[in-house]
Amino acid sequence: MRKYTLLYMLCCTLALQAQMVWHNPLSGDTARVQGQGAALHIDFYSNAPEIIVRYTLSSKEALSALTAASGVDLYATDSDGKTHWCDSPIIQPLNPSKADTITFHYQGLSYHNQHRLGSEYRLYLPLSPVTWMEIGIPASSLFKYSPMSTEKPIVIYGTAIAQKATASRPALMWTNILQRQLDAPVFYIDSTDTLRPTDARMYILDTHQPQNDSDMEHLAAAYEEKIRDVLDLHPLTDYTAVRQRREPATYEWNERHESVLQRHRTIQPDVLMIGNSIMHYWAGEPSHRIHRNVEAWNRLFEGMQVTNMGFGWDRIENVLWRIQHGELDGISPKHICLMIGTNNISIREKPEKIARGITELAEVIRRKQPQAHLHVLTVFPRKDMNADVKAVNQLLTQMLRTDECTDLIDLTPALTLPNGQIDPSLYGTDGLHPAAKGYEKVAETLKKVIFQPN
């Protein structure tokens, strides 16, 4: 009877795996492992209800127990940037076809998203070297790798012996806890590893020997506090920096972030245009298939190098994340335009909170780019929400400290009728995004107040 039961289980396993599409993240030139040393992970997008990870290790000793040395860990980040641990996988240390294969089968993967294109996943690898790995996704589901991060990492040099011996799973190594808390690349280089030349954001020499998961958490928290102080990575009063992925059918947020970083490595911009979809889909570089008035953009910025840092669906907290992750580093623009807040109004946040958030965000930009002239644009008027917009803009007028390098630009008169309602001839059907004629009005106003002759 036992023989038939094992045969049935084997048939079920083979049938399940036959319906999966397998991806090898370690394959040659297409390898997708990010990080260095003892902090390795793989990032990908998927809307799969289940994910299977199977792999082998170079160390046979690691097969004796599932710890940080031998196990994997999976985390999902939803469209609003909230991270979830994918707990309770079915673990099979031995695979019928490969005696040394470890299999983690994650099921019931359903997280909050405002679309059907899934979540972004981070798969933490074991401390023991992985010799072979495949990620299985149902054939009907989406799977694609996230872009490789080019953000400067925090490099920690020390010993991973204590982590390997005491962390119960990879994600609870203190360096990986720190990576999640900062949402930034963290390289942990063991003293026995080869240290590759790295243009780091910060170097840390670590001599701690945490003894258990609780020690790991306390050590990560202590380092996080110091790193935030040194690198000025503090939250605003009401907003904590967070990424988003609310519109992947139109563009991938992470990919656009990487495009901005790459552009700033090759071009010194005269002007930065920071904002949401209103800015994003106007025109400019990095380019997008949606561009609502290229001619108005080109006339406004004739003879200038301009980076469009508008991201569709961005809120105040998402712009803060981008600023804290390199989008204002290594450049010296003359002008910066900031237009944000309408998507915070969409989720019915209080006007005081939004106005304070915009004001504090402007202060962060001023600290990062003190030589630039900062132009804060009021929230554009929009259909059916003008009372909320007006309340935010009135408070913004009171809160924002203006001087010779900071001003507040109100485009409301250019976009509304005498009765204060939006001019429908200047807007698209959603009453939120300007139409081509609306962008003409925006460009005319900005040219008068920003780029007036000296």
Protein backbone atom coordinates (compact mmCIF):
# COMPACT_ATOMS: atom_id res chain seq x y z
CA MET A 1 0.00 0.00 0.00
CA ARG A 2 2.87 2.36 0.87
CA LYS A 3 4.38 1.71 -2.58
CA TYR A 4 1.16 2.77 -4.33
CA THR A 5 0.86 5.88 -2.15
CA LEU A 6 4.39 6.98 -3.05
CA LEU A 7 3.68 6.28 -6.72
CA TYR A 8 0.52 8.41 -6.56
CA MET A 9 2.39 11.27 -4.90
CA LEU A 10 5.09 11.07 -7.55
CA CYS A 11 2.53 11.17 -10.37
CA CYS A 12 0.80 14.19 -8.81
CA THR A 13 4.13 15.99 -8.46
CA LEU A 14 5.11 15.29 -12.07
CA ALA A 15 1.66 16.37 -13.32
CA LEU A 16 1.87 19.63 -11.39
CA GLN A 17 5.38 20.40 -12.62
CA ALA A 18 4.38 19.60 -16.20
CA GLN A 19 1.96 22.55 -16.03
CA MET A 20 4.66 24.92 -14.82
CA VAL A 21 7.03 27.09 -16.83
CA TRP A 22 10.52 27.00 -15.36
CA HIS A 23 12.96 29.92 -15.27
CA ASN A 24 16.66 29.61 -14.46
CA PRO A 25 17.88 32.83 -12.78
CA LEU A 26 21.49 31.57 -12.63
CA SER A 27 21.91 31.01 -16.34
CA GLY A 28 25.11 32.54 -17.75
CA ASP A 29 24.82 35.97 -19.30
CA THR A 30 21.17 36.24 -18.27
CA ALA A 31 21.81 35.60 -14.55
CA ARG A 32 19.51 37.70 -12.41
CA VAL A 33 21.10 37.41 -8.97
CA GLN A 34 21.48 40.79 -7.29
CA GLY A 35 23.71 41.77 -4.41
CA GLN A 36 27.13 40.55 -3.35
CA GLY A 37 28.54 38.25 -0.71
CA ALA A 38 26.05 37.06 1.90
CA ALA A 39 23.12 39.20 0.77
CA LEU A 40 21.95 37.70 -2.52
CA HIS A 41 18.44 37.84 -3.94
CA ILE A 42 16.42 37.61 -7.15
CA ASP A 43 13.64 40.08 -8.01
CA PHE A 44 10.77 39.34 -10.37
CA TYR A 45 7.16 40.22 -11.16
CA SER A 46 4.38 37.64 -11.22
CA ASN A 47 0.64 37.30 -10.80
CA ALA A 48 0.91 33.56 -10.21
CA PRO A 49 -1.27 32.06 -7.45
CA GLU A 50 1.57 29.65 -6.70
CA ILE A 51 5.33 29.64 -7.15
CA ILE A 52 7.74 26.72 -6.87
CA VAL A 53 11.42 27.26 -6.16
CA ARG A 54 13.74 24.28 -6.48
CA TYR A 55 17.51 24.29 -6.12
CA THR A 56 20.66 22.44 -5.08
CA LEU A 57 23.50 23.53 -2.81
CA SER A 58 27.23 23.00 -3.03
CA SER A 59 27.39 21.99 0.63
CA LYS A 60 25.91 18.61 1.52
CA GLU A 61 26.11 19.54 5.19
CA ALA A 62 23.55 22.31 4.63
CA LEU A 63 20.96 19.70 3.70
CA SER A 64 20.76 18.43 7.27
CA ALA A 65 18.54 21.31 8.42
CA LEU A 66 16.71 24.24 6.85
CA THR A 67 18.28 27.47 8.15
CA ALA A 68 19.63 30.67 6.61
CA ALA A 69 22.41 28.51 5.20
CA SER A 70 20.09 26.21 3.26
CA GLY A 71 16.60 27.72 2.92
CA VAL A 72 15.11 30.43 0.72
CA ASP A 73 12.70 33.21 1.62
CA LEU A 74 10.06 34.90 -0.53
CA TYR A 75 8.56 38.39 -0.04
CA ALA A 76 5.91 40.16 -2.14
CA THR A 77 5.55 43.92 -2.59
CA ASP A 78 2.10 45.11 -3.69
CA SER A 79 1.10 48.05 -5.91
CA ASP A 80 1.28 50.53 -3.01
CA GLY A 81 4.72 49.38 -1.89
CA LYS A 82 3.63 47.31 1.11
CA THR A 83 5.79 44.23 1.64
CA HIS A 84 4.40 40.85 2.72
CA TRP A 85 6.24 37.72 3.84
CA CYS A 86 5.10 34.67 1.86
CA ASP A 87 4.88 32.30 4.78
CA SER A 88 4.07 28.61 5.22
CA PRO A 89 5.52 27.13 2.03
CA ILE A 90 5.40 23.37 1.50
CA ILE A 91 9.02 22.27 1.84
CA GLN A 92 10.36 19.07 0.31
CA PRO A 93 14.06 18.58 1.08
CA LEU A 94 14.28 15.66 -1.34
CA ASN A 95 12.91 15.65 -4.88
CA PRO A 96 12.13 12.24 -6.48
CA SER A 97 14.20 13.09 -9.58
CA LYS A 98 17.10 14.81 -7.78
CA ALA A 99 18.04 13.37 -4.40
CA ASP A 100 19.77 16.56 -3.27
CA THR A 101 17.13 19.03 -4.50
CA ILE A 102 15.27 21.29 -2.05
CA THR A 103 11.81 22.46 -3.12
CA PHE A 104 9.77 25.34 -1.69
CA HIS A 105 6.17 25.43 -2.92
CA TYR A 106 4.35 28.73 -2.21
CA GLN A 107 0.56 28.71 -2.57
CA GLY A 108 -2.30 31.17 -2.10
CA LEU A 109 -0.26 34.13 -3.36
CA SER A 110 -2.91 36.82 -3.50
CA TYR A 111 -2.03 40.34 -2.36
CA HIS A 112 -3.72 43.71 -2.67
CA ASN A 113 -3.11 45.28 -6.07
CA GLN A 114 -5.14 47.74 -8.11
CA HIS A 115 -4.43 45.74 -11.27
CA ARG A 116 -4.12 42.11 -12.39
CA LEU A 117 -0.42 42.17 -13.20
CA GLY A 118 0.67 40.84 -9.84
CA SER A 119 3.28 41.81 -7.31
CA GLU A 120 7.02 42.26 -7.27
CA TYR A 121 8.74 39.37 -5.52
CA ARG A 122 12.11 39.18 -3.82
CA LEU A 123 13.61 35.71 -3.38
CA TYR A 124 16.39 35.62 -0.79
CA LEU A 125 19.01 32.96 -1.46
CA PRO A 126 20.69 30.69 1.10
CA LEU A 127 24.08 31.58 2.56
CA SER A 128 25.44 28.31 1.20
CA PRO A 129 26.28 28.63 -2.52
CA VAL A 130 23.46 27.58 -4.85
CA THR A 131 24.64 25.40 -7.74
CA TRP A 132 21.34 25.11 -9.62
CA MET A 133 17.94 26.79 -9.33
CA GLU A 134 14.65 27.02 -11.15
CA ILE A 135 11.56 29.13 -10.44
CA GLY A 136 8.31 27.53 -11.58
CA ILE A 137 5.25 29.57 -12.54
CA PRO A 138 1.91 28.27 -13.89
CA ALA A 139 1.91 28.47 -17.68
CA SER A 140 -1.03 30.90 -17.70
CA SER A 141 0.64 33.37 -15.31
CA LEU A 142 2.90 36.39 -15.83
CA PHE A 143 6.60 36.16 -15.04
CA LYS A 144 9.36 38.66 -15.78
CA TYR A 145 12.48 39.73 -13.98
CA SER A 146 12.73 43.15 -12.37
CA PRO A 147 15.46 45.45 -13.70
CA MET A 148 18.87 44.99 -12.13
CA SER A 149 19.40 47.80 -9.63
CA THR A 150 22.20 50.26 -10.41
CA GLU A 151 21.72 52.23 -7.22
CA LYS A 152 24.88 52.65 -5.17
CA PRO A 153 24.84 50.03 -2.39
CA ILE A 154 25.65 50.15 1.28
CA VAL A 155 28.64 47.82 1.61
CA ILE A 156 29.17 46.00 4.91
CA TYR A 157 32.43 44.13 5.42
CA GLY A 158 32.65 41.58 8.20
CA THR A 159 31.95 37.92 8.83
CA ALA A 160 28.85 35.95 7.91
CA ILE A 161 29.73 33.01 10.17
CA ALA A 162 27.39 34.14 12.95
CA GLN A 163 24.60 34.83 10.49
CA LYS A 164 24.99 31.43 8.88
CA ALA A 165 24.90 29.67 12.22
CA THR A 166 22.10 31.55 13.99
CA ALA A 167 19.58 33.08 11.55
CA SER A 168 16.57 30.81 11.19
CA ARG A 169 16.00 31.87 7.58
CA PRO A 170 17.78 34.07 5.01
CA ALA A 171 15.48 37.09 5.30
CA LEU A 172 16.22 37.31 9.03
CA MET A 173 19.93 37.88 8.56
CA TRP A 174 20.37 41.41 9.86
CA THR A 175 21.75 42.67 6.55
CA ASN A 176 18.60 41.51 4.77
CA ILE A 177 16.39 43.04 7.46
CA LEU A 178 18.31 46.28 6.92
CA GLN A 179 17.85 46.00 3.17
CA ARG A 180 14.07 45.71 3.59
CA GLN A 181 13.85 48.56 6.09
CA LEU A 182 15.85 50.92 3.86
CA ASP A 183 14.55 49.37 0.62
CA ALA A 184 18.07 49.83 -0.70
CA PRO A 185 20.89 47.58 -1.96
CA VAL A 186 22.98 46.17 0.89
CA PHE A 187 26.09 44.12 0.11
CA TYR A 188 27.48 41.98 2.92
CA ILE A 189 31.03 40.87 2.16
CA ASP A 190 32.45 38.06 4.22
CA SER A 191 36.12 38.28 5.12
CA THR A 192 36.69 35.14 3.03
CA ASP A 193 35.00 36.59 -0.07
CA THR A 194 36.67 38.49 -2.86
CA LEU A 195 35.75 42.17 -2.56
CA ARG A 196 34.85 43.48 -6.00
CA PRO A 197 35.49 47.19 -6.62
CA THR A 198 32.21 48.90 -5.75
CA ASP A 199 31.14 52.52 -5.95
CA ALA A 200 29.32 52.41 -2.64
CA ARG A 201 27.03 54.89 -0.96
CA MET A 202 28.51 53.94 2.40
CA TYR A 203 31.07 51.46 3.76
CA ILE A 204 30.59 49.79 7.15
CA LEU A 205 33.12 47.61 8.97
CA ASP A 206 31.12 45.21 11.12
CA THR A 207 32.46 43.14 14.02
CA HIS A 208 29.20 42.11 15.71
CA GLN A 209 28.34 38.49 16.46
CA PRO A 210 24.52 38.21 16.76
CA GLN A 211 23.41 34.99 18.42
CA ASN A 212 19.78 34.62 17.32
CA ASP A 213 16.96 36.18 15.30
CA SER A 214 16.23 38.71 18.05
CA ASP A 215 19.85 39.88 18.01
CA MET A 216 19.61 40.22 14.24
CA GLU A 217 16.55 42.47 14.52
CA HIS A 218 18.15 44.71 17.17
CA LEU A 219 21.39 45.04 15.22
CA ALA A 220 19.53 45.94 12.02
CA ALA A 221 17.47 48.57 13.86
CA ALA A 222 20.60 50.15 15.36
CA TYR A 223 22.35 50.33 12.01
CA GLU A 224 19.22 51.66 10.32
CA GLU A 225 19.00 54.61 12.72
CA LYS A 226 22.63 55.60 12.13
CA ILE A 227 22.46 55.15 8.36
CA ARG A 228 19.32 57.30 8.09
CA ASP A 229 21.07 60.04 10.06
CA VAL A 230 24.21 59.98 7.93
CA LEU A 231 22.46 59.72 4.55
CA ASP A 232 19.47 61.96 5.40
CA LEU A 233 16.92 59.23 4.77
CA HIS A 234 14.35 60.38 7.29
CA PRO A 235 10.58 60.22 6.72
CA LEU A 236 8.46 63.34 6.51
CA THR A 237 6.03 64.15 9.31
CA ASP A 238 3.20 62.19 7.66
CA TYR A 239 4.89 60.25 4.86
CA THR A 240 7.43 57.46 4.73
CA ALA A 241 9.33 56.90 1.49
CA VAL A 242 7.88 53.99 -0.46
CA ARG A 243 7.93 52.71 -4.02
CA GLN A 244 4.81 51.92 -6.06
CA ARG A 245 3.63 49.85 -9.03
CA ARG A 246 0.09 51.09 -9.68
CA GLU A 247 0.15 51.26 -13.47
CA PRO A 248 2.30 48.42 -14.88
CA ALA A 249 0.11 48.05 -17.98
CA THR A 250 1.32 51.53 -19.00
CA TYR A 251 4.85 51.56 -17.62
CA GLU A 252 7.03 49.80 -15.05
CA TRP A 253 7.91 52.15 -12.19
CA ASN A 254 11.24 50.49 -11.34
CA GLU A 255 12.34 50.54 -14.96
CA ARG A 256 11.60 54.26 -15.24
CA HIS A 257 13.54 54.91 -12.05
CA GLU A 258 16.53 53.08 -13.53
CA SER A 259 16.15 55.10 -16.75
CA VAL A 260 16.35 58.35 -14.79
CA LEU A 261 19.49 57.18 -12.98
CA GLN A 262 21.07 56.12 -16.28
CA ARG A 263 20.22 59.43 -17.93
CA HIS A 264 21.86 61.37 -15.11
CA ARG A 265 25.06 59.36 -15.57
CA THR A 266 25.34 60.52 -19.16
CA ILE A 267 23.65 63.95 -19.25
CA GLN A 268 23.87 66.93 -16.93
CA PRO A 269 20.32 68.35 -16.96
CA ASP A 270 19.60 72.06 -16.81
CA VAL A 271 16.03 71.40 -15.70
CA LEU A 272 14.26 68.65 -13.73
CA MET A 273 10.49 68.23 -13.98
CA ILE A 274 9.37 66.18 -10.97
CA GLY A 275 5.78 65.02 -10.73
CA ASN A 276 3.10 62.46 -11.46
CA SER A 277 1.34 61.37 -14.67
CA ILE A 278 0.50 64.97 -15.61
CA MET A 279 4.23 65.55 -15.99
CA HIS A 280 5.10 62.01 -17.10
CA TYR A 281 2.86 61.97 -20.16
CA TRP A 282 3.61 65.49 -21.35
CA ALA A 283 6.82 64.78 -23.30
CA GLY A 284 10.60 64.67 -22.85
CA GLU A 285 13.19 62.13 -21.74
CA PRO A 286 13.14 59.42 -20.52
CA SER A 287 10.54 59.04 -23.24
CA HIS A 288 7.23 57.22 -23.08
CA ARG A 289 4.79 56.10 -25.76
CA ILE A 290 2.26 58.61 -24.38
CA HIS A 291 3.28 62.20 -25.11
CA ARG A 292 0.49 64.74 -25.14
CA ASN A 293 2.23 67.84 -26.47
CA VAL A 294 5.81 67.48 -27.65
CA GLU A 295 5.72 70.82 -29.46
CA ALA A 296 4.83 72.81 -26.33
CA TRP A 297 7.54 70.98 -24.37
CA ASN A 298 10.18 71.67 -27.01
CA ARG A 299 9.30 75.35 -27.27
CA LEU A 300 9.43 75.75 -23.49
CA PHE A 301 12.79 74.04 -23.11
CA GLU A 302 14.49 75.03 -26.35
CA GLY A 303 18.27 74.75 -26.02
CA MET A 304 18.11 73.06 -22.60
CA GLN A 305 18.83 69.57 -21.31
CA VAL A 306 15.70 68.49 -19.44
CA THR A 307 14.91 65.31 -17.51
CA ASN A 308 11.24 64.40 -17.14
CA MET A 309 10.97 62.88 -13.67
CA GLY A 310 7.19 62.51 -13.77
CA PHE A 311 5.93 59.03 -12.78
CA GLY A 312 2.32 58.04 -13.38
CA TRP A 313 0.26 57.54 -10.19
CA ASP A 314 3.01 58.94 -7.96
CA ARG A 315 2.12 60.41 -4.58
CA ILE A 316 4.23 62.49 -2.21
CA GLU A 317 5.72 59.42 -0.54
CA ASN A 318 6.78 57.93 -3.89
CA VAL A 319 8.64 61.08 -4.94
CA LEU A 320 10.37 61.03 -1.55
CA TRP A 321 11.51 57.45 -2.24
CA ARG A 322 12.92 58.42 -5.62
CA ILE A 323 14.83 61.37 -4.16
CA GLN A 324 16.25 59.17 -1.39
CA HIS A 325 17.31 56.56 -3.95
CA GLY A 326 19.54 58.60 -6.19
CA GLU A 327 17.40 60.65 -8.58
CA LEU A 328 18.93 63.93 -7.39
CA ASP A 329 22.49 62.62 -7.01
CA GLY A 330 25.45 63.49 -9.23
CA ILE A 331 23.72 66.37 -11.04
CA SER A 332 23.52 70.17 -10.67
CA PRO A 333 20.38 71.48 -12.40
CA LYS A 334 19.63 75.18 -12.60
CA HIS A 335 15.86 74.74 -12.25
CA ILE A 336 13.67 72.11 -10.58
CA CYS A 337 9.89 72.06 -10.96
CA LEU A 338 7.89 70.06 -8.41
CA MET A 339 4.26 69.19 -9.06
CA ILE A 340 2.75 66.56 -6.76
CA GLY A 341 -0.28 65.97 -4.54
CA THR A 342 -3.24 65.27 -6.80
CA ASN A 343 -3.02 61.49 -6.24
CA ASN A 344 -2.96 62.06 -2.49
CA ILE A 345 -6.17 64.05 -2.92
CA SER A 346 -7.62 61.09 -4.87
CA ILE A 347 -7.40 58.87 -1.79
CA ARG A 348 -9.06 61.56 0.35
CA GLU A 349 -6.12 62.52 2.52
CA LYS A 350 -6.61 65.67 4.58
CA PRO A 351 -5.55 68.95 2.93
CA GLU A 352 -3.32 69.84 5.90
CA LYS A 353 -1.43 66.56 5.54
CA ILE A 354 -0.93 66.99 1.81
CA ALA A 355 0.19 70.63 1.99
CA ARG A 356 2.61 69.83 4.80
CA GLY A 357 3.95 66.87 2.82
CA ILE A 358 4.60 69.02 -0.28
CA THR A 359 6.28 71.69 1.86
CA GLU A 360 8.55 69.18 3.58
CA LEU A 361 9.34 67.49 0.27
CA ALA A 362 10.42 70.87 -1.10
CA GLU A 363 12.75 71.23 1.89
CA VAL A 364 14.31 67.84 1.12
CA ILE A 365 14.93 68.95 -2.48
CA ARG A 366 16.48 72.20 -1.28
CA ARG A 367 18.92 70.29 0.94
CA LYS A 368 19.87 67.98 -1.94
CA GLN A 369 20.12 70.71 -4.60
CA PRO A 370 20.83 74.06 -2.85
CA GLN A 371 22.12 75.73 -6.04
CA ALA A 372 18.92 75.12 -8.02
CA HIS A 373 15.95 77.43 -8.29
CA LEU A 374 13.00 75.39 -7.02
CA HIS A 375 9.59 76.09 -8.52
CA VAL A 376 6.75 74.43 -6.60
CA LEU A 377 3.59 74.17 -8.71
CA THR A 378 0.23 74.22 -7.00
CA VAL A 379 -2.00 71.18 -7.51
CA PHE A 380 -3.75 71.50 -10.86
CA PRO A 381 -7.52 72.07 -10.74
CA ARG A 382 -9.53 68.94 -11.56
CA LYS A 383 -13.12 68.01 -12.25
CA ASP A 384 -15.33 67.33 -9.22
CA MET A 385 -12.49 67.83 -6.72
CA ASN A 386 -11.84 71.55 -6.95
CA ALA A 387 -12.80 72.19 -3.32
CA ASP A 388 -10.12 69.75 -2.14
CA VAL A 389 -7.56 71.18 -4.56
CA LYS A 390 -8.33 74.73 -3.46
CA ALA A 391 -7.96 73.80 0.22
CA VAL A 392 -4.55 72.20 -0.39
CA ASN A 393 -3.32 75.13 -2.46
CA GLN A 394 -4.43 77.71 0.09
CA LEU A 395 -2.56 75.88 2.84
CA LEU A 396 0.46 75.45 0.60
CA THR A 397 0.57 79.22 0.10
CA GLN A 398 0.74 79.65 3.87
CA MET A 399 3.22 76.84 4.62
CA LEU A 400 5.80 77.03 1.83
CA ARG A 401 8.70 79.30 2.65
CA THR A 402 9.66 81.17 -0.49
CA ASP A 403 12.86 83.10 -1.11
CA GLU A 404 15.12 84.06 -3.99
CA CYS A 405 15.61 80.35 -4.82
CA THR A 406 12.14 78.97 -4.03
CA ASP A 407 8.82 80.13 -5.47
CA LEU A 408 5.24 78.93 -5.71
CA ILE A 409 3.61 78.94 -9.13
CA ASP A 410 -0.19 78.85 -9.38
CA LEU A 411 -1.43 77.66 -12.76
CA THR A 412 -5.08 77.70 -11.68
CA PRO A 413 -5.94 80.93 -13.60
CA ALA A 414 -4.53 79.47 -16.81
CA LEU A 415 -6.63 76.29 -16.58
CA THR A 416 -10.00 77.47 -15.25
CA LEU A 417 -13.03 79.46 -16.32
CA PRO A 418 -14.07 82.71 -14.57
CA ASN A 419 -16.37 80.67 -12.29
CA GLY A 420 -13.38 78.70 -10.99
CA GLN A 421 -14.26 75.42 -12.69
CA ILE A 422 -11.84 73.71 -15.05
CA ASP A 423 -11.94 74.81 -18.67
CA PRO A 424 -13.10 71.61 -20.42
CA SER A 425 -11.41 72.66 -23.65
CA LEU A 426 -8.06 72.38 -21.88
CA TYR A 427 -8.58 68.93 -20.33
CA GLY A 428 -8.99 65.35 -21.39
CA THR A 429 -12.17 63.43 -20.72
CA ASP A 430 -11.04 62.47 -17.20
CA GLY A 431 -10.97 66.11 -16.11
CA LEU A 432 -7.57 65.49 -14.50
CA HIS A 433 -4.94 65.42 -17.25
CA PRO A 434 -4.51 68.44 -19.54
CA ALA A 435 -5.18 67.97 -23.23
CA ALA A 436 -2.73 69.27 -25.82
CA LYS A 437 -4.26 72.76 -25.57
CA GLY A 438 -3.97 72.63 -21.79
CA TYR A 439 -0.27 71.87 -21.99
CA GLU A 440 0.08 74.91 -24.24
CA LYS A 441 -1.31 77.03 -21.40
CA VAL A 442 0.99 75.36 -18.88
CA ALA A 443 4.04 75.97 -21.09
CA GLU A 444 3.11 79.62 -21.67
CA THR A 445 2.79 80.28 -17.93
CA LEU A 446 5.98 78.46 -16.99
CA LYS A 447 7.96 80.28 -19.66
CA LYS A 448 6.87 83.65 -18.28
CA VAL A 449 7.65 82.97 -14.64
CA ILE A 450 10.58 80.58 -14.82
CA PHE A 451 12.56 81.30 -17.94
CA GLN A 452 12.17 85.04 -18.15
CA PRO A 453 15.27 86.89 -19.41
CA ASN A 454 17.76 87.96 -16.75
